Amino acid sequence: MKNRKTKQMTKWLQRNIAGKKVVSLFIVTNAIYVLMLTVTIPKTMEFSNGMKLLDMLPMGYDFNYVNQLFNTLGEIGRKTYLSYQLPLDMVYPLLFGICYCLVLAYFLNKLDKLKTPFTYLCLLPLLAGAMYYAENIGIIALLNSYPDINKSSVTITSSFSLIKSTTTTIYFLVLIASLLVLGIRSLRKAKSTVY
């Protein structure tokens, strides 16, 4: 059963790692990311007096920080967070998960490692995307319940933020390692062709 699921996942990845498809998805995903970084996050932070938004704190946050941030944002800032930043941030995790799953699969395929246990590493961005959604749902709940914020809700949402950032970091380290191995292999091949 487990072996069959692995084969199905590998087949799905192989069907979807055509260069054009991966590049197109990469462009769309990062266009939304840039839009958040340059438009929606700065717009929300106009009300934060320099305090970082919760989804920008990779090491998590505590009850006091959340309370202070929401208080500093004020009613208009909290509404901006809810209606301006978070809707776009609900589209991004799905794109991030699929895009970066396929990006890694593309490079693993180039390294002839797609039909090995390394394939499971392609699940890292999907896990990060799921944690992203859990974090966003938690932030929405906190914003909607303010000023009656529950400490345990803050702890749970902060945990999702931490897992998201940890998983994302591990993923990018794996991707960089794959690119380095591919680069070294390409250089060796080029040298052997010259000599």
C-alpha atoms as a PDB file:
ATOM      1  CA  MET A   1       0.000   0.000   0.000  1.00  0.00           C
ATOM      2  CA  LYS A   2       2.763   2.428   1.043  1.00  0.00           C
ATOM      3  CA  ASN A   3       4.827   1.469  -2.007  1.00  0.00           C
ATOM      4  CA  ARG A   4       1.821   2.046  -4.299  1.00  0.00           C
ATOM      5  CA  LYS A   5       1.241   5.520  -2.847  1.00  0.00           C
ATOM      6  CA  THR A   6       4.932   6.363  -3.365  1.00  0.00           C
ATOM      7  CA  LYS A   7       4.672   5.228  -6.997  1.00  0.00           C
ATOM      8  CA  GLN A   8       1.504   7.304  -7.500  1.00  0.00           C
ATOM      9  CA  MET A   9       3.206  10.371  -6.023  1.00  0.00           C
ATOM     10  CA  THR A  10       6.279   9.865  -8.230  1.00  0.00           C
ATOM     11  CA  LYS A  11       4.063   9.480 -11.332  1.00  0.00           C
ATOM     12  CA  TRP A  12       2.158  12.667 -10.468  1.00  0.00           C
ATOM     13  CA  LEU A  13       5.437  14.551  -9.996  1.00  0.00           C
ATOM     14  CA  GLN A  14       6.842  13.235 -13.287  1.00  0.00           C
ATOM     15  CA  ARG A  15       3.680  14.341 -15.130  1.00  0.00           C
ATOM     16  CA  ASN A  16       3.941  17.865 -13.735  1.00  0.00           C
ATOM     17  CA  ILE A  17       7.643  18.748 -13.862  1.00  0.00           C
ATOM     18  CA  ALA A  18       7.807  19.967 -17.451  1.00  0.00           C
ATOM     19  CA  GLY A  19      10.103  23.005 -17.479  1.00  0.00           C
ATOM     20  CA  LYS A  20       7.480  25.464 -18.821  1.00  0.00           C
ATOM     21  CA  LYS A  21       4.875  24.412 -16.256  1.00  0.00           C
ATOM     22  CA  VAL A  22       7.318  24.741 -13.349  1.00  0.00           C
ATOM     23  CA  VAL A  23       8.615  28.126 -14.563  1.00  0.00           C
ATOM     24  CA  SER A  24       5.059  29.490 -15.084  1.00  0.00           C
ATOM     25  CA  LEU A  25       3.992  28.378 -11.613  1.00  0.00           C
ATOM     26  CA  PHE A  26       7.194  29.817 -10.137  1.00  0.00           C
ATOM     27  CA  ILE A  27       6.506  33.203 -11.762  1.00  0.00           C
ATOM     28  CA  VAL A  28       2.867  33.346 -10.555  1.00  0.00           C
ATOM     29  CA  THR A  29       3.810  32.236  -7.016  1.00  0.00           C
ATOM     30  CA  ASN A  30       6.584  34.780  -6.680  1.00  0.00           C
ATOM     31  CA  ALA A  31       4.510  37.579  -8.264  1.00  0.00           C
ATOM     32  CA  ILE A  32       1.992  37.118  -5.435  1.00  0.00           C
ATOM     33  CA  TYR A  33       4.822  36.989  -2.883  1.00  0.00           C
ATOM     34  CA  VAL A  34       6.294  40.249  -4.236  1.00  0.00           C
ATOM     35  CA  LEU A  35       2.809  41.820  -4.199  1.00  0.00           C
ATOM     36  CA  MET A  36       2.496  40.953  -0.503  1.00  0.00           C
ATOM     37  CA  LEU A  37       6.003  42.226   0.304  1.00  0.00           C
ATOM     38  CA  THR A  38       5.620  45.493  -1.581  1.00  0.00           C
ATOM     39  CA  VAL A  39       1.914  46.313  -1.234  1.00  0.00           C
ATOM     40  CA  THR A  40      -0.270  44.472   1.304  1.00  0.00           C
ATOM     41  CA  ILE A  41       2.274  44.003   4.133  1.00  0.00           C
ATOM     42  CA  PRO A  42       3.554  47.634   3.988  1.00  0.00           C
ATOM     43  CA  LYS A  43      -0.080  48.857   3.801  1.00  0.00           C
ATOM     44  CA  THR A  44      -0.931  46.909   6.978  1.00  0.00           C
ATOM     45  CA  MET A  45       2.304  47.957   8.696  1.00  0.00           C
ATOM     46  CA  GLU A  46       1.408  51.629   8.226  1.00  0.00           C
ATOM     47  CA  PHE A  47      -0.668  51.098  11.378  1.00  0.00           C
ATOM     48  CA  SER A  48       1.819  48.933  13.343  1.00  0.00           C
ATOM     49  CA  ASN A  49       4.321  51.612  14.394  1.00  0.00           C
ATOM     50  CA  GLY A  50       7.216  49.441  13.184  1.00  0.00           C
ATOM     51  CA  MET A  51       6.024  46.228  14.880  1.00  0.00           C
ATOM     52  CA  LYS A  52       6.241  43.164  12.633  1.00  0.00           C
ATOM     53  CA  LEU A  53       3.061  41.339  11.645  1.00  0.00           C
ATOM     54  CA  LEU A  54       2.597  37.867  13.153  1.00  0.00           C
ATOM     55  CA  ASP A  55       3.277  36.025   9.885  1.00  0.00           C
ATOM     56  CA  MET A  56       6.619  37.834   9.652  1.00  0.00           C
ATOM     57  CA  LEU A  57       7.925  36.391  12.935  1.00  0.00           C
ATOM     58  CA  PRO A  58       9.589  33.045  12.093  1.00  0.00           C
ATOM     59  CA  MET A  59      10.482  32.306  15.730  1.00  0.00           C
ATOM     60  CA  GLY A  60       6.894  32.775  16.882  1.00  0.00           C
ATOM     61  CA  TYR A  61       5.424  35.251  19.359  1.00  0.00           C
ATOM     62  CA  ASP A  62       3.773  35.407  22.762  1.00  0.00           C
ATOM     63  CA  PHE A  63       0.506  36.706  24.186  1.00  0.00           C
ATOM     64  CA  ASN A  64       1.971  40.089  25.158  1.00  0.00           C
ATOM     65  CA  TYR A  65       3.349  40.716  21.647  1.00  0.00           C
ATOM     66  CA  VAL A  66       0.019  39.844  19.996  1.00  0.00           C
ATOM     67  CA  ASN A  67      -1.883  42.073  22.407  1.00  0.00           C
ATOM     68  CA  GLN A  68       0.530  44.973  21.878  1.00  0.00           C
ATOM     69  CA  LEU A  69       0.512  44.567  18.088  1.00  0.00           C
ATOM     70  CA  PHE A  70      -3.284  44.445  17.815  1.00  0.00           C
ATOM     71  CA  ASN A  71      -3.611  47.398  20.177  1.00  0.00           C
ATOM     72  CA  THR A  72      -1.038  49.391  18.148  1.00  0.00           C
ATOM     73  CA  LEU A  73      -2.748  48.501  14.848  1.00  0.00           C
ATOM     74  CA  GLY A  74      -6.004  49.957  16.107  1.00  0.00           C
ATOM     75  CA  GLU A  75      -9.375  49.151  14.585  1.00  0.00           C
ATOM     76  CA  ILE A  76      -8.472  50.322  11.055  1.00  0.00           C
ATOM     77  CA  GLY A  77      -5.131  48.456  11.129  1.00  0.00           C
ATOM     78  CA  ARG A  78      -6.772  45.246  12.313  1.00  0.00           C
ATOM     79  CA  LYS A  79      -9.415  45.552   9.559  1.00  0.00           C
ATOM     80  CA  THR A  80      -6.647  46.180   7.012  1.00  0.00           C
ATOM     81  CA  TYR A  81      -4.826  43.042   8.242  1.00  0.00           C
ATOM     82  CA  LEU A  82      -8.048  41.000   7.950  1.00  0.00           C
ATOM     83  CA  SER A  83      -9.384  42.340   4.670  1.00  0.00           C
ATOM     84  CA  TYR A  84      -6.248  43.387   2.779  1.00  0.00           C
ATOM     85  CA  GLN A  85      -3.249  41.232   3.746  1.00  0.00           C
ATOM     86  CA  LEU A  86      -4.777  37.921   4.841  1.00  0.00           C
ATOM     87  CA  PRO A  87      -7.013  37.268   1.772  1.00  0.00           C
ATOM     88  CA  LEU A  88      -3.954  37.361  -0.511  1.00  0.00           C
ATOM     89  CA  ASP A  89      -2.073  35.324   2.080  1.00  0.00           C
ATOM     90  CA  MET A  90      -4.743  32.618   1.741  1.00  0.00           C
ATOM     91  CA  VAL A  91      -3.882  32.169  -1.969  1.00  0.00           C
ATOM     92  CA  TYR A  92      -0.098  32.114  -1.548  1.00  0.00           C
ATOM     93  CA  PRO A  93       0.350  28.915   0.584  1.00  0.00           C
ATOM     94  CA  LEU A  94      -1.325  26.676  -1.998  1.00  0.00           C
ATOM     95  CA  LEU A  95       0.824  28.107  -4.785  1.00  0.00           C
ATOM     96  CA  PHE A  96       3.938  27.929  -2.576  1.00  0.00           C
ATOM     97  CA  GLY A  97       3.297  24.272  -1.689  1.00  0.00           C
ATOM     98  CA  ILE A  98       2.668  23.066  -5.244  1.00  0.00           C
ATOM     99  CA  CYS A  99       5.289  25.287  -6.893  1.00  0.00           C
ATOM    100  CA  TYR A 100       8.189  24.413  -4.627  1.00  0.00           C
ATOM    101  CA  CYS A 101       7.195  20.726  -4.497  1.00  0.00           C
ATOM    102  CA  LEU A 102       7.523  20.664  -8.304  1.00  0.00           C
ATOM    103  CA  VAL A 103      10.711  22.774  -8.319  1.00  0.00           C
ATOM    104  CA  LEU A 104      12.479  20.238  -6.084  1.00  0.00           C
ATOM    105  CA  ALA A 105      11.014  17.324  -8.057  1.00  0.00           C
ATOM    106  CA  TYR A 106      12.350  18.925 -11.251  1.00  0.00           C
ATOM    107  CA  PHE A 107      15.911  19.066  -9.873  1.00  0.00           C
ATOM    108  CA  LEU A 108      15.701  15.614  -8.247  1.00  0.00           C
ATOM    109  CA  ASN A 109      14.666  14.269 -11.644  1.00  0.00           C
ATOM    110  CA  LYS A 110      17.741  15.925 -13.209  1.00  0.00           C
ATOM    111  CA  LEU A 111      19.834  14.140 -10.562  1.00  0.00           C
ATOM    112  CA  ASP A 112      18.074  10.786 -11.240  1.00  0.00           C
ATOM    113  CA  LYS A 113      16.844  10.777  -7.625  1.00  0.00           C
ATOM    114  CA  LEU A 114      13.105  11.166  -8.198  1.00  0.00           C
ATOM    115  CA  LYS A 115      12.400   7.434  -7.870  1.00  0.00           C
ATOM    116  CA  THR A 116      14.228   7.184  -4.538  1.00  0.00           C
ATOM    117  CA  PRO A 117      13.261   8.025  -0.928  1.00  0.00           C
ATOM    118  CA  PHE A 118      14.486  11.589  -1.717  1.00  0.00           C
ATOM    119  CA  THR A 119      11.055  12.047  -3.341  1.00  0.00           C
ATOM    120  CA  TYR A 120       9.575  12.479   0.149  1.00  0.00           C
ATOM    121  CA  LEU A 121      11.521  15.743   0.468  1.00  0.00           C
ATOM    122  CA  CYS A 122       9.097  17.157  -2.119  1.00  0.00           C
ATOM    123  CA  LEU A 123       6.428  17.001   0.599  1.00  0.00           C
ATOM    124  CA  LEU A 124       8.246  19.646   2.714  1.00  0.00           C
ATOM    125  CA  PRO A 125       6.749  22.684   0.916  1.00  0.00           C
ATOM    126  CA  LEU A 126       3.287  21.072   1.030  1.00  0.00           C
ATOM    127  CA  LEU A 127       3.683  20.662   4.802  1.00  0.00           C
ATOM    128  CA  ALA A 128       4.890  24.273   5.049  1.00  0.00           C
ATOM    129  CA  GLY A 129       1.840  25.367   3.010  1.00  0.00           C
ATOM    130  CA  ALA A 130      -0.496  23.469   5.365  1.00  0.00           C
ATOM    131  CA  MET A 131       1.168  25.154   8.359  1.00  0.00           C
ATOM    132  CA  TYR A 132       0.820  28.480   6.560  1.00  0.00           C
ATOM    133  CA  TYR A 133      -2.945  27.936   6.349  1.00  0.00           C
ATOM    134  CA  ALA A 134      -3.118  26.866   9.999  1.00  0.00           C
ATOM    135  CA  GLU A 135      -1.172  30.010  10.971  1.00  0.00           C
ATOM    136  CA  ASN A 136      -3.463  32.263   8.876  1.00  0.00           C
ATOM    137  CA  ILE A 137      -6.623  30.696  10.313  1.00  0.00           C
ATOM    138  CA  GLY A 138      -5.175  31.219  13.804  1.00  0.00           C
ATOM    139  CA  ILE A 139      -4.344  34.878  13.065  1.00  0.00           C
ATOM    140  CA  ILE A 140      -7.855  35.471  11.674  1.00  0.00           C
ATOM    141  CA  ALA A 141      -9.369  33.921  14.833  1.00  0.00           C
ATOM    142  CA  LEU A 142      -7.134  36.089  17.056  1.00  0.00           C
ATOM    143  CA  LEU A 143      -8.020  39.261  15.139  1.00  0.00           C
ATOM    144  CA  ASN A 144     -11.734  38.463  15.297  1.00  0.00           C
ATOM    145  CA  SER A 145     -11.642  37.719  19.028  1.00  0.00           C
ATOM    146  CA  TYR A 146      -9.614  40.825  19.987  1.00  0.00           C
ATOM    147  CA  PRO A 147      -9.592  42.180  22.722  1.00  0.00           C
ATOM    148  CA  ASP A 148     -10.663  38.838  24.261  1.00  0.00           C
ATOM    149  CA  ILE A 149      -7.592  36.917  23.083  1.00  0.00           C
ATOM    150  CA  ASN A 150      -7.100  33.417  24.440  1.00  0.00           C
ATOM    151  CA  LYS A 151      -3.514  32.642  25.540  1.00  0.00           C
ATOM    152  CA  SER A 152      -3.685  29.046  24.338  1.00  0.00           C
ATOM    153  CA  SER A 153      -4.870  30.238  20.879  1.00  0.00           C
ATOM    154  CA  VAL A 154      -1.776  32.469  20.698  1.00  0.00           C
ATOM    155  CA  THR A 155       0.481  29.537  21.690  1.00  0.00           C
ATOM    156  CA  ILE A 156      -1.091  27.229  19.077  1.00  0.00           C
ATOM    157  CA  THR A 157      -0.925  29.849  16.293  1.00  0.00           C
ATOM    158  CA  SER A 158       2.668  30.699  17.234  1.00  0.00           C
ATOM    159  CA  SER A 159       3.539  26.976  17.029  1.00  0.00           C
ATOM    160  CA  PHE A 160       2.141  26.851  13.492  1.00  0.00           C
ATOM    161  CA  SER A 161       4.294  29.885  12.583  1.00  0.00           C
ATOM    162  CA  LEU A 162       7.388  28.169  14.005  1.00  0.00           C
ATOM    163  CA  ILE A 163       6.709  24.858  12.213  1.00  0.00           C
ATOM    164  CA  LYS A 164       6.048  26.763   8.950  1.00  0.00           C
ATOM    165  CA  SER A 165       9.344  28.654   9.132  1.00  0.00           C
ATOM    166  CA  THR A 166      11.352  25.576  10.226  1.00  0.00           C
ATOM    167  CA  THR A 167       9.920  23.417   7.429  1.00  0.00           C
ATOM    168  CA  THR A 168      10.501  26.194   4.875  1.00  0.00           C
ATOM    169  CA  THR A 169      14.126  26.616   6.024  1.00  0.00           C
ATOM    170  CA  ILE A 170      14.800  22.867   5.790  1.00  0.00           C
ATOM    171  CA  TYR A 171      13.228  22.828   2.317  1.00  0.00           C
ATOM    172  CA  PHE A 172      15.418  25.650   0.992  1.00  0.00           C
ATOM    173  CA  LEU A 173      18.543  23.999   2.444  1.00  0.00           C
ATOM    174  CA  VAL A 174      17.604  20.788   0.596  1.00  0.00           C
ATOM    175  CA  LEU A 175      16.957  22.761  -2.606  1.00  0.00           C
ATOM    176  CA  ILE A 176      20.312  24.577  -2.353  1.00  0.00           C
ATOM    177  CA  ALA A 177      22.093  21.252  -1.715  1.00  0.00           C
ATOM    178  CA  SER A 178      20.376  19.755  -4.799  1.00  0.00           C
ATOM    179  CA  LEU A 179      21.436  22.721  -6.926  1.00  0.00           C
ATOM    180  CA  LEU A 180      25.024  22.450  -5.673  1.00  0.00           C
ATOM    181  CA  VAL A 181      25.172  18.726  -6.467  1.00  0.00           C
ATOM    182  CA  LEU A 182      23.684  19.388  -9.915  1.00  0.00           C
ATOM    183  CA  GLY A 183      26.201  22.213 -10.501  1.00  0.00           C
ATOM    184  CA  ILE A 184      29.170  20.048  -9.474  1.00  0.00           C
ATOM    185  CA  ARG A 185      27.915  17.210 -11.664  1.00  0.00           C
ATOM    186  CA  SER A 186      27.516  19.571 -14.651  1.00  0.00           C
ATOM    187  CA  LEU A 187      31.047  20.962 -14.153  1.00  0.00           C
ATOM    188  CA  ARG A 188      32.526  17.443 -14.013  1.00  0.00           C
ATOM    189  CA  LYS A 189      30.645  16.472 -17.161  1.00  0.00           C
ATOM    190  CA  ALA A 190      31.858  19.626 -18.944  1.00  0.00           C
ATOM    191  CA  LYS A 191      35.483  18.932 -17.887  1.00  0.00           C
ATOM    192  CA  SER A 192      35.352  15.325 -19.030  1.00  0.00           C
ATOM    193  CA  THR A 193      33.981  16.494 -22.420  1.00  0.00           C
ATOM    194  CA  VAL A 194      36.828  19.013 -22.809  1.00  0.00           C
ATOM    195  CA  TYR A 195      39.523  16.470 -21.933  1.00  0.00           C
END
